[in-house]
Amino acid sequence: MKAHLLVNERIAQGDNAFAELRVLSVPVAVRGSPHSFKYSLSLVVEGTCVLRFDNEAGKGDHYHRDEIELPYRFTTLPALLDDFWRQVDQWRQL
């Protein structure tokens, strides 16, 4: 069984920013994650990634806010997307 692309979008966030969302359904969980998704959700502002949720192999589920890396508790794909957009909104309010 192969990985299946579920989400692959780049969404403008004003003149100097965009959100990039990529989610795959994978046949075997990524090392460190207990679910069957591989994902990277990013907010890029003026060419710099300022927010990213991902599950890099070996690190498991986590997110980056500027230079800080924090653990993330994955529950469902819809919750992940909601959490990402909530963090985007919070970042934009700074």
PDB file of N, CA and C in Angstrom:
ATOM      1  N   MET A   1       0.844  -1.182   0.000  1.00  0.00           N
ATOM      2  CA  MET A   1       0.000   0.000   0.000  1.00  0.00           C
ATOM      3  C   MET A   1       0.888   1.245   0.000  1.00  0.00           C
ATOM      4  N   LYS A   2       0.517   2.223  -0.802  1.00  0.00           N
ATOM      5  CA  LYS A   2       1.287   3.455  -0.920  1.00  0.00           C
ATOM      6  C   LYS A   2       0.686   4.565  -0.071  1.00  0.00           C
ATOM      7  N   ALA A   3       1.471   5.611   0.121  1.00  0.00           N
ATOM      8  CA  ALA A   3       0.975   6.813   0.774  1.00  0.00           C
ATOM      9  C   ALA A   3      -0.008   7.507  -0.166  1.00  0.00           C
ATOM     10  N   HIS A   4      -1.018   8.154   0.416  1.00  0.00           N
ATOM     11  CA  HIS A   4      -2.008   8.890  -0.368  1.00  0.00           C
ATOM     12  C   HIS A   4      -2.014  10.348   0.074  1.00  0.00           C
ATOM     13  N   LEU A   5      -1.869  11.232  -0.905  1.00  0.00           N
ATOM     14  CA  LEU A   5      -1.888  12.659  -0.622  1.00  0.00           C
ATOM     15  C   LEU A   5      -3.319  13.091  -0.298  1.00  0.00           C
ATOM     16  N   LEU A   6      -3.516  13.651   0.882  1.00  0.00           N
ATOM     17  CA  LEU A   6      -4.839  14.113   1.308  1.00  0.00           C
ATOM     18  C   LEU A   6      -4.998  15.617   1.183  1.00  0.00           C
ATOM     19  N   VAL A   7      -3.939  16.361   1.494  1.00  0.00           N
ATOM     20  CA  VAL A   7      -3.972  17.824   1.443  1.00  0.00           C
ATOM     21  C   VAL A   7      -2.655  18.297   0.853  1.00  0.00           C
ATOM     22  N   ASN A   8      -2.730  19.207  -0.101  1.00  0.00           N
ATOM     23  CA  ASN A   8      -1.534  19.821  -0.680  1.00  0.00           C
ATOM     24  C   ASN A   8      -1.936  21.211  -1.171  1.00  0.00           C
ATOM     25  N   GLU A   9      -1.839  22.196  -0.276  1.00  0.00           N
ATOM     26  CA  GLU A   9      -2.329  23.537  -0.583  1.00  0.00           C
ATOM     27  C   GLU A   9      -1.333  24.604  -0.166  1.00  0.00           C
ATOM     28  N   ARG A  10      -1.321  25.684  -0.923  1.00  0.00           N
ATOM     29  CA  ARG A  10      -0.614  26.902  -0.535  1.00  0.00           C
ATOM     30  C   ARG A  10      -1.667  28.002  -0.541  1.00  0.00           C
ATOM     31  N   ILE A  11      -1.844  28.643   0.614  1.00  0.00           N
ATOM     32  CA  ILE A  11      -2.914  29.617   0.790  1.00  0.00           C
ATOM     33  C   ILE A  11      -2.306  30.966   1.156  1.00  0.00           C
ATOM     34  N   ALA A  12      -2.532  31.952   0.313  1.00  0.00           N
ATOM     35  CA  ALA A  12      -2.002  33.294   0.573  1.00  0.00           C
ATOM     36  C   ALA A  12      -2.543  33.830   1.889  1.00  0.00           C
ATOM     37  N   GLN A  13      -1.660  34.499   2.626  1.00  0.00           N
ATOM     38  CA  GLN A  13      -2.007  35.117   3.902  1.00  0.00           C
ATOM     39  C   GLN A  13      -1.585  36.581   3.871  1.00  0.00           C
ATOM     40  N   GLY A  14      -2.026  37.295   2.861  1.00  0.00           N
ATOM     41  CA  GLY A  14      -1.614  38.680   2.670  1.00  0.00           C
ATOM     42  C   GLY A  14      -0.520  38.746   1.615  1.00  0.00           C
ATOM     43  N   ASP A  15       0.050  39.926   1.436  1.00  0.00           N
ATOM     44  CA  ASP A  15       1.041  40.148   0.389  1.00  0.00           C
ATOM     45  C   ASP A  15       2.370  39.454   0.638  1.00  0.00           C
ATOM     46  N   ASN A  16       2.734  39.249   1.902  1.00  0.00           N
ATOM     47  CA  ASN A  16       4.075  38.761   2.199  1.00  0.00           C
ATOM     48  C   ASN A  16       4.097  37.423   2.934  1.00  0.00           C
ATOM     49  N   ALA A  17       2.975  36.690   2.906  1.00  0.00           N
ATOM     50  CA  ALA A  17       2.921  35.453   3.683  1.00  0.00           C
ATOM     51  C   ALA A  17       2.037  34.414   2.997  1.00  0.00           C
ATOM     52  N   PHE A  18       2.287  33.154   3.340  1.00  0.00           N
ATOM     53  CA  PHE A  18       1.424  32.075   2.865  1.00  0.00           C
ATOM     54  C   PHE A  18       1.473  30.926   3.864  1.00  0.00           C
ATOM     55  N   ALA A  19       0.406  30.141   3.838  1.00  0.00           N
ATOM     56  CA  ALA A  19       0.362  28.906   4.612  1.00  0.00           C
ATOM     57  C   ALA A  19       0.510  27.768   3.615  1.00  0.00           C
ATOM     58  N   GLU A  20       1.328  26.797   3.966  1.00  0.00           N
ATOM     59  CA  GLU A  20       1.516  25.628   3.107  1.00  0.00           C
ATOM     60  C   GLU A  20       1.137  24.393   3.920  1.00  0.00           C
ATOM     61  N   LEU A  21       0.184  23.619   3.401  1.00  0.00           N
ATOM     62  CA  LEU A  21      -0.334  22.455   4.103  1.00  0.00           C
ATOM     63  C   LEU A  21      -0.125  21.218   3.247  1.00  0.00           C
ATOM     64  N   ARG A  22       0.501  20.213   3.847  1.00  0.00           N
ATOM     65  CA  ARG A  22       0.731  18.943   3.154  1.00  0.00           C
ATOM     66  C   ARG A  22       0.483  17.817   4.149  1.00  0.00           C
ATOM     67  N   VAL A  23      -0.472  16.954   3.807  1.00  0.00           N
ATOM     68  CA  VAL A  23      -0.826  15.821   4.660  1.00  0.00           C
ATOM     69  C   VAL A  23      -0.950  14.582   3.800  1.00  0.00           C
ATOM     70  N   LEU A  24      -0.303  13.513   4.229  1.00  0.00           N
ATOM     71  CA  LEU A  24      -0.409  12.229   3.550  1.00  0.00           C
ATOM     72  C   LEU A  24      -0.928  11.176   4.515  1.00  0.00           C
ATOM     73  N   SER A  25      -1.717  10.266   3.994  1.00  0.00           N
ATOM     74  CA  SER A  25      -2.100   9.071   4.732  1.00  0.00           C
ATOM     75  C   SER A  25      -1.040   8.033   4.391  1.00  0.00           C
ATOM     76  N   VAL A  26      -0.394   7.474   5.403  1.00  0.00           N
ATOM     77  CA  VAL A  26       0.706   6.532   5.171  1.00  0.00           C
ATOM     78  C   VAL A  26       0.324   5.145   5.683  1.00  0.00           C
ATOM     79  N   PRO A  27       0.820   4.101   5.018  1.00  0.00           N
ATOM     80  CA  PRO A  27       0.458   2.739   5.419  1.00  0.00           C
ATOM     81  C   PRO A  27       1.071   2.315   6.756  1.00  0.00           C
ATOM     82  N   VAL A  28       2.193   2.914   7.113  1.00  0.00           N
ATOM     83  CA  VAL A  28       2.875   2.612   8.371  1.00  0.00           C
ATOM     84  C   VAL A  28       3.145   3.933   9.074  1.00  0.00           C
ATOM     85  N   ALA A  29       2.845   4.012  10.356  1.00  0.00           N
ATOM     86  CA  ALA A  29       3.052   5.248  11.103  1.00  0.00           C
ATOM     87  C   ALA A  29       4.500   5.711  11.018  1.00  0.00           C
ATOM     88  N   VAL A  30       4.681   7.021  10.948  1.00  0.00           N
ATOM     89  CA  VAL A  30       6.009   7.623  10.968  1.00  0.00           C
ATOM     90  C   VAL A  30       6.624   7.334  12.337  1.00  0.00           C
ATOM     91  N   ARG A  31       7.891   6.944  12.356  1.00  0.00           N
ATOM     92  CA  ARG A  31       8.571   6.636  13.617  1.00  0.00           C
ATOM     93  C   ARG A  31       8.413   7.795  14.599  1.00  0.00           C
ATOM     94  N   GLY A  32       7.846   7.491  15.770  1.00  0.00           N
ATOM     95  CA  GLY A  32       7.611   8.498  16.797  1.00  0.00           C
ATOM     96  C   GLY A  32       6.181   8.994  16.858  1.00  0.00           C
ATOM     97  N   SER A  33       5.358   8.651  15.869  1.00  0.00           N
ATOM     98  CA  SER A  33       3.958   9.070  15.841  1.00  0.00           C
ATOM     99  C   SER A  33       3.053   7.836  15.866  1.00  0.00           C
ATOM    100  N   PRO A  34       1.982   7.871  16.667  1.00  0.00           N
ATOM    101  CA  PRO A  34       1.116   6.703  16.803  1.00  0.00           C
ATOM    102  C   PRO A  34      -0.056   6.652  15.815  1.00  0.00           C
ATOM    103  N   HIS A  35      -0.008   7.445  14.755  1.00  0.00           N
ATOM    104  CA  HIS A  35      -1.130   7.518  13.812  1.00  0.00           C
ATOM    105  C   HIS A  35      -0.620   7.326  12.384  1.00  0.00           C
ATOM    106  N   SER A  36      -1.541   7.282  11.435  1.00  0.00           N
ATOM    107  CA  SER A  36      -1.174   6.959  10.052  1.00  0.00           C
ATOM    108  C   SER A  36      -1.136   8.180   9.133  1.00  0.00           C
ATOM    109  N   PHE A  37      -0.641   9.318   9.652  1.00  0.00           N
ATOM    110  CA  PHE A  37      -0.507  10.530   8.844  1.00  0.00           C
ATOM    111  C   PHE A  37       0.923  11.038   8.901  1.00  0.00           C
ATOM    112  N   LYS A  38       1.384  11.581   7.793  1.00  0.00           N
ATOM    113  CA  LYS A  38       2.647  12.317   7.709  1.00  0.00           C
ATOM    114  C   LYS A  38       2.246  13.719   7.296  1.00  0.00           C
ATOM    115  N   TYR A  39       2.672  14.733   8.060  1.00  0.00           N
ATOM    116  CA  TYR A  39       2.187  16.077   7.769  1.00  0.00           C
ATOM    117  C   TYR A  39       3.250  17.146   7.995  1.00  0.00           C
ATOM    118  N   SER A  40       3.042  18.256   7.310  1.00  0.00           N
ATOM    119  CA  SER A  40       3.811  19.472   7.506  1.00  0.00           C
ATOM    120  C   SER A  40       2.878  20.632   7.188  1.00  0.00           C
ATOM    121  N   LEU A  41       2.599  21.448   8.185  1.00  0.00           N
ATOM    122  CA  LEU A  41       1.733  22.614   8.040  1.00  0.00           C
ATOM    123  C   LEU A  41       2.567  23.823   8.436  1.00  0.00           C
ATOM    124  N   SER A  42       2.759  24.754   7.515  1.00  0.00           N
ATOM    125  CA  SER A  42       3.694  25.850   7.753  1.00  0.00           C
ATOM    126  C   SER A  42       3.076  27.206   7.462  1.00  0.00           C
ATOM    127  N   LEU A  43       3.524  28.204   8.208  1.00  0.00           N
ATOM    128  CA  LEU A  43       3.232  29.603   7.917  1.00  0.00           C
ATOM    129  C   LEU A  43       4.566  30.258   7.601  1.00  0.00           C
ATOM    130  N   VAL A  44       4.665  30.815   6.398  1.00  0.00           N
ATOM    131  CA  VAL A  44       5.898  31.467   5.943  1.00  0.00           C
ATOM    132  C   VAL A  44       5.604  32.946   5.746  1.00  0.00           C
ATOM    133  N   VAL A  45       6.400  33.788   6.388  1.00  0.00           N
ATOM    134  CA  VAL A  45       6.240  35.245   6.320  1.00  0.00           C
ATOM    135  C   VAL A  45       7.546  35.850   5.841  1.00  0.00           C
ATOM    136  N   GLU A  46       7.478  36.598   4.759  1.00  0.00           N
ATOM    137  CA  GLU A  46       8.653  37.244   4.170  1.00  0.00           C
ATOM    138  C   GLU A  46       9.797  36.251   3.988  1.00  0.00           C
ATOM    139  N   GLY A  47       9.459  35.041   3.514  1.00  0.00           N
ATOM    140  CA  GLY A  47      10.467  34.030   3.213  1.00  0.00           C
ATOM    141  C   GLY A  47      10.966  33.226   4.397  1.00  0.00           C
ATOM    142  N   THR A  48      10.453  33.484   5.605  1.00  0.00           N
ATOM    143  CA  THR A  48      10.894  32.774   6.804  1.00  0.00           C
ATOM    144  C   THR A  48       9.736  31.967   7.378  1.00  0.00           C
ATOM    145  N   CYS A  49       9.998  30.701   7.677  1.00  0.00           N
ATOM    146  CA  CYS A  49       8.994  29.861   8.311  1.00  0.00           C
ATOM    147  C   CYS A  49       8.900  30.274   9.777  1.00  0.00           C
ATOM    148  N   VAL A  50       7.737  30.806  10.178  1.00  0.00           N
ATOM    149  CA  VAL A  50       7.561  31.294  11.546  1.00  0.00           C
ATOM    150  C   VAL A  50       6.724  30.346  12.401  1.00  0.00           C
ATOM    151  N   LEU A  51       6.051  29.385  11.740  1.00  0.00           N
ATOM    152  CA  LEU A  51       5.215  28.419  12.445  1.00  0.00           C
ATOM    153  C   LEU A  51       5.157  27.146  11.613  1.00  0.00           C
ATOM    154  N   ARG A  52       5.382  25.998  12.261  1.00  0.00           N
ATOM    155  CA  ARG A  52       5.294  24.727  11.520  1.00  0.00           C
ATOM    156  C   ARG A  52       4.876  23.605  12.467  1.00  0.00           C
ATOM    157  N   PHE A  53       3.866  22.877  12.064  1.00  0.00           N
ATOM    158  CA  PHE A  53       3.459  21.648  12.732  1.00  0.00           C
ATOM    159  C   PHE A  53       3.942  20.512  11.855  1.00  0.00           C
ATOM    160  N   ASP A  54       4.638  19.531  12.419  1.00  0.00           N
ATOM    161  CA  ASP A  54       5.083  18.393  11.616  1.00  0.00           C
ATOM    162  C   ASP A  54       5.362  17.191  12.507  1.00  0.00           C
ATOM    163  N   ASN A  55       5.600  16.068  11.859  1.00  0.00           N
ATOM    164  CA  ASN A  55       5.942  14.841  12.585  1.00  0.00           C
ATOM    165  C   ASN A  55       7.126  14.165  11.904  1.00  0.00           C
ATOM    166  N   GLU A  56       8.226  14.843  11.964  1.00  0.00           N
ATOM    167  CA  GLU A  56       9.488  14.336  11.413  1.00  0.00           C
ATOM    168  C   GLU A  56       9.815  12.982  12.040  1.00  0.00           C
ATOM    169  N   ALA A  57      10.274  12.050  11.210  1.00  0.00           N
ATOM    170  CA  ALA A  57      10.607  10.703  11.695  1.00  0.00           C
ATOM    171  C   ALA A  57      11.570  10.772  12.867  1.00  0.00           C
ATOM    172  N   GLY A  58      11.219  10.074  13.936  1.00  0.00           N
ATOM    173  CA  GLY A  58      12.056  10.033  15.124  1.00  0.00           C
ATOM    174  C   GLY A  58      11.707  11.088  16.152  1.00  0.00           C
ATOM    175  N   LYS A  59      11.166  12.221  15.728  1.00  0.00           N
ATOM    176  CA  LYS A  59      10.784  13.276  16.661  1.00  0.00           C
ATOM    177  C   LYS A  59       9.326  13.170  17.067  1.00  0.00           C
ATOM    178  N   GLY A  60       8.511  12.576  16.224  1.00  0.00           N
ATOM    179  CA  GLY A  60       7.090  12.491  16.501  1.00  0.00           C
ATOM    180  C   GLY A  60       6.396  13.823  16.274  1.00  0.00           C
ATOM    181  N   ASP A  61       5.202  13.935  16.808  1.00  0.00           N
ATOM    182  CA  ASP A  61       4.370  15.123  16.618  1.00  0.00           C
ATOM    183  C   ASP A  61       4.907  16.287  17.439  1.00  0.00           C
ATOM    184  N   HIS A  62       5.089  17.434  16.779  1.00  0.00           N
ATOM    185  CA  HIS A  62       5.574  18.628  17.461  1.00  0.00           C
ATOM    186  C   HIS A  62       5.296  19.843  16.588  1.00  0.00           C
ATOM    187  N   TYR A  63       5.550  21.015  17.135  1.00  0.00           N
ATOM    188  CA  TYR A  63       5.439  22.216  16.313  1.00  0.00           C
ATOM    189  C   TYR A  63       6.536  23.199  16.676  1.00  0.00           C
ATOM    190  N   HIS A  64       6.816  24.071  15.734  1.00  0.00           N
ATOM    191  CA  HIS A  64       7.838  25.106  15.879  1.00  0.00           C
ATOM    192  C   HIS A  64       7.125  26.450  15.829  1.00  0.00           C
ATOM    193  N   ARG A  65       7.430  27.287  16.769  1.00  0.00           N
ATOM    194  CA  ARG A  65       6.930  28.659  16.758  1.00  0.00           C
ATOM    195  C   ARG A  65       8.161  29.538  16.832  1.00  0.00           C
ATOM    196  N   ASP A  66       8.474  30.179  15.712  1.00  0.00           N
ATOM    197  CA  ASP A  66       9.740  30.891  15.555  1.00  0.00           C
ATOM    198  C   ASP A  66      10.871  29.886  15.818  1.00  0.00           C
ATOM    199  N   GLU A  67      11.730  30.128  16.773  1.00  0.00           N
ATOM    200  CA  GLU A  67      12.875  29.242  17.026  1.00  0.00           C
ATOM    201  C   GLU A  67      12.599  28.175  18.082  1.00  0.00           C
ATOM    202  N   ILE A  68      11.399  28.173  18.648  1.00  0.00           N
ATOM    203  CA  ILE A  68      11.075  27.256  19.746  1.00  0.00           C
ATOM    204  C   ILE A  68      10.354  26.016  19.215  1.00  0.00           C
ATOM    205  N   GLU A  69      10.792  24.827  19.656  1.00  0.00           N
ATOM    206  CA  GLU A  69      10.126  23.581  19.297  1.00  0.00           C
ATOM    207  C   GLU A  69       9.367  23.064  20.518  1.00  0.00           C
ATOM    208  N   LEU A  70       8.096  22.733  20.310  1.00  0.00           N
ATOM    209  CA  LEU A  70       7.227  22.293  21.399  1.00  0.00           C
ATOM    210  C   LEU A  70       6.536  20.984  21.036  1.00  0.00           C
ATOM    211  N   PRO A  71       6.227  20.133  22.006  1.00  0.00           N
ATOM    212  CA  PRO A  71       5.511  18.891  21.713  1.00  0.00           C
ATOM    213  C   PRO A  71       4.076  19.191  21.297  1.00  0.00           C
ATOM    214  N   TYR A  72       3.511  18.313  20.492  1.00  0.00           N
ATOM    215  CA  TYR A  72       2.115  18.442  20.068  1.00  0.00           C
ATOM    216  C   TYR A  72       1.436  17.098  20.268  1.00  0.00           C
ATOM    217  N   ARG A  73       0.254  17.110  20.843  1.00  0.00           N
ATOM    218  CA  ARG A  73      -0.510  15.881  21.058  1.00  0.00           C
ATOM    219  C   ARG A  73      -1.528  15.745  19.937  1.00  0.00           C
ATOM    220  N   PHE A  74      -1.227  14.896  18.961  1.00  0.00           N
ATOM    221  CA  PHE A  74      -2.122  14.648  17.837  1.00  0.00           C
ATOM    222  C   PHE A  74      -3.305  13.822  18.317  1.00  0.00           C
ATOM    223  N   THR A  75      -4.529  14.260  17.955  1.00  0.00           N
ATOM    224  CA  THR A  75      -5.726  13.478  18.260  1.00  0.00           C
ATOM    225  C   THR A  75      -6.432  13.053  16.980  1.00  0.00           C
ATOM    226  N   THR A  76      -6.766  14.034  16.130  1.00  0.00           N
ATOM    227  CA  THR A  76      -7.419  13.759  14.850  1.00  0.00           C
ATOM    228  C   THR A  76      -6.904  14.741  13.812  1.00  0.00           C
ATOM    229  N   LEU A  77      -7.091  14.405  12.546  1.00  0.00           N
ATOM    230  CA  LEU A  77      -6.673  15.311  11.480  1.00  0.00           C
ATOM    231  C   LEU A  77      -7.448  16.630  11.532  1.00  0.00           C
ATOM    232  N   PRO A  78      -8.782  16.616  11.705  1.00  0.00           N
ATOM    233  CA  PRO A  78      -9.487  17.903  11.824  1.00  0.00           C
ATOM    234  C   PRO A  78      -8.989  18.753  13.002  1.00  0.00           C
ATOM    235  N   ALA A  79      -8.684  18.120  14.127  1.00  0.00           N
ATOM    236  CA  ALA A  79      -8.159  18.869  15.280  1.00  0.00           C
ATOM    237  C   ALA A  79      -6.798  19.467  14.958  1.00  0.00           C
ATOM    238  N   LEU A  80      -5.944  18.732  14.258  1.00  0.00           N
ATOM    239  CA  LEU A  80      -4.633  19.243  13.843  1.00  0.00           C
ATOM    240  C   LEU A  80      -4.798  20.501  13.003  1.00  0.00           C
ATOM    241  N   LEU A  81      -5.673  20.451  12.007  1.00  0.00           N
ATOM    242  CA  LEU A  81      -5.893  21.607  11.139  1.00  0.00           C
ATOM    243  C   LEU A  81      -6.450  22.786  11.937  1.00  0.00           C
ATOM    244  N   ASP A  82      -7.387  22.529  12.840  1.00  0.00           N
ATOM    245  CA  ASP A  82      -7.920  23.599  13.692  1.00  0.00           C
ATOM    246  C   ASP A  82      -6.828  24.206  14.566  1.00  0.00           C
ATOM    247  N   ASP A  83      -5.994  23.359  15.159  1.00  0.00           N
ATOM    248  CA  ASP A  83      -4.906  23.848  16.013  1.00  0.00           C
ATOM    249  C   ASP A  83      -3.919  24.690  15.222  1.00  0.00           C
ATOM    250  N   PHE A  84      -3.609  24.258  14.001  1.00  0.00           N
ATOM    251  CA  PHE A  84      -2.694  25.029  13.157  1.00  0.00           C
ATOM    252  C   PHE A  84      -3.278  26.413  12.876  1.00  0.00           C
ATOM    253  N   TRP A  85      -4.532  26.462  12.408  1.00  0.00           N
ATOM    254  CA  TRP A  85      -5.125  27.757  12.055  1.00  0.00           C
ATOM    255  C   TRP A  85      -5.295  28.637  13.292  1.00  0.00           C
ATOM    256  N   ARG A  86      -5.544  28.053  14.440  1.00  0.00           N
ATOM    257  CA  ARG A  86      -5.625  28.825  15.684  1.00  0.00           C
ATOM    258  C   ARG A  86      -4.265  29.463  15.991  1.00  0.00           C
ATOM    259  N   GLN A  87      -3.184  28.695  15.814  1.00  0.00           N
ATOM    260  CA  GLN A  87      -1.838  29.234  16.042  1.00  0.00           C
ATOM    261  C   GLN A  87      -1.491  30.307  15.008  1.00  0.00           C
ATOM    262  N   VAL A  88      -1.937  30.122  13.758  1.00  0.00           N
ATOM    263  CA  VAL A  88      -1.727  31.154  12.730  1.00  0.00           C
ATOM    264  C   VAL A  88      -2.400  32.443  13.178  1.00  0.00           C
ATOM    265  N   ASP A  89      -3.652  32.362  13.620  1.00  0.00           N
ATOM    266  CA  ASP A  89      -4.363  33.551  14.089  1.00  0.00           C
ATOM    267  C   ASP A  89      -3.644  34.211  15.257  1.00  0.00           C
ATOM    268  N   GLN A  90      -3.166  33.405  16.214  1.00  0.00           N
ATOM    269  CA  GLN A  90      -2.450  33.957  17.357  1.00  0.00           C
ATOM    270  C   GLN A  90      -1.152  34.626  16.914  1.00  0.00           C
ATOM    271  N   TRP A  91      -0.421  34.008  16.000  1.00  0.00           N
ATOM    272  CA  TRP A  91       0.845  34.584  15.533  1.00  0.00           C
ATOM    273  C   TRP A  91       0.597  35.916  14.855  1.00  0.00           C
ATOM    274  N   ARG A  92      -0.464  35.982  14.060  1.00  0.00           N
ATOM    275  CA  ARG A  92      -0.761  37.214  13.314  1.00  0.00           C
ATOM    276  C   ARG A  92      -1.150  38.363  14.243  1.00  0.00           C
ATOM    277  N   GLN A  93      -1.624  38.060  15.446  1.00  0.00           N
ATOM    278  CA  GLN A  93      -2.012  39.099  16.393  1.00  0.00           C
ATOM    279  C   GLN A  93      -0.825  39.709  17.119  1.00  0.00           C
ATOM    280  N   LEU A  94       0.358  39.100  16.994  1.00  0.00           N
ATOM    281  CA  LEU A  94       1.547  39.634  17.675  1.00  0.00           C
ATOM    282  C   LEU A  94       2.022  40.930  17.069  1.00  0.00           C
TER     283      LEU A  94
END
